[in-house]
C-alpha cells in the first residue's frame, strides 16, 4: 500500500526547504512542526547575534536541511 505522507525529496519538502533557507523555521511551519520552527528560528537568531552575522547562515542551512530531509509522522 502506498504511503499517504510525502517522503524525503517530495515537492512539499523542496518548497519547505527553500522557505527555511530564506527564513529559518518557515518550512517547518509549512510542514506543521511548530516546535521545530520555534527552535530553529531561535537558534538562527542567536547565531546571528552572537557571531555578528558571520555564523547566521549556518542556522539557515540547518533549517533547510531539516525541512528537506523530514520524512513525516510515523
Protein backbone atom coordinates (compact mmCIF):
# COMPACT_ATOMS: atom_id res chain seq x y z
CA UNK A 1 0.00 0.00 0.00
CA UNK A 2 1.48 3.41 -0.93
CA UNK A 3 2.32 5.83 1.81
CA UNK A 4 -0.06 8.80 2.12
CA UNK A 5 2.53 11.09 3.70
CA UNK A 6 5.04 12.67 1.33
CA UNK A 7 8.55 11.45 1.99
CA UNK A 8 12.01 12.82 1.64
CA UNK A 9 12.57 14.62 -1.64
CA UNK A 10 8.87 15.25 -2.27
CA UNK A 11 7.73 18.53 -3.78
CA UNK A 12 6.41 19.72 -0.42
CA UNK A 13 9.77 19.14 1.23
CA UNK A 14 11.57 21.05 -1.51
CA UNK A 15 9.28 24.05 -1.05
CA UNK A 16 9.66 23.83 2.74
CA UNK A 17 13.45 23.64 2.40
CA UNK A 18 13.54 26.73 0.19
CA UNK A 19 11.27 28.59 2.62
CA UNK A 20 13.57 27.65 5.51
CA UNK A 21 16.59 28.82 3.58
CA UNK A 22 15.04 32.28 3.33
CA UNK A 23 13.53 32.42 6.85
CA UNK A 24 14.65 29.66 9.25
CA UNK A 25 11.64 27.78 10.63
CA UNK A 26 9.22 28.82 7.89
CA UNK A 27 9.49 25.45 6.16
CA UNK A 28 8.90 23.62 9.41
CA UNK A 29 5.77 25.73 9.96
CA UNK A 30 4.61 24.77 6.47
CA UNK A 31 5.08 21.13 7.45
CA UNK A 32 3.08 21.66 10.63
CA UNK A 33 6.04 21.36 13.03
CA UNK A 34 5.62 24.38 15.28
CA UNK A 35 8.14 23.39 17.99
CA UNK A 36 10.85 22.68 15.42
CA UNK A 37 10.15 26.03 13.78
CA UNK A 38 10.47 27.90 17.08
CA UNK A 39 13.68 26.07 17.95
CA UNK A 40 15.29 26.72 14.57
CA UNK A 41 14.35 30.39 14.41
CA UNK A 42 15.71 30.82 17.95
CA UNK A 43 18.98 29.05 17.16
CA UNK A 44 19.42 31.03 13.97
CA UNK A 45 18.69 34.31 15.74
CA UNK A 46 21.20 33.50 18.47
CA UNK A 47 23.84 32.64 15.87
CA UNK A 48 23.21 35.92 14.01
CA UNK A 49 23.53 37.99 17.19
CA UNK A 50 26.43 36.23 18.88
CA UNK A 51 28.61 35.96 15.79
CA UNK A 52 27.83 39.45 14.44
CA UNK A 53 26.25 37.81 11.37
CA UNK A 54 29.16 35.56 10.50
CA UNK A 55 27.56 32.27 11.55
CA UNK A 56 23.93 33.26 11.00
CA UNK A 57 23.78 31.42 7.70
CA UNK A 58 24.54 28.16 9.49
CA UNK A 59 21.08 28.38 11.08
CA UNK A 60 19.51 28.86 7.65
CA UNK A 61 21.31 25.83 6.23
CA UNK A 62 20.41 23.64 9.22
CA UNK A 63 16.74 24.64 8.91
CA UNK A 64 16.83 24.00 5.17
CA UNK A 65 18.31 20.52 5.59
CA UNK A 66 15.89 19.67 8.39
CA UNK A 67 12.90 20.58 6.21
CA UNK A 68 14.27 18.77 3.15
CA UNK A 69 15.12 15.53 4.95
CA UNK A 70 11.96 15.29 7.09
CA UNK A 71 10.07 12.05 6.44
CA UNK A 72 6.80 12.95 8.10
CA UNK A 73 4.95 11.42 11.04
CA UNK A 74 5.42 7.72 11.53
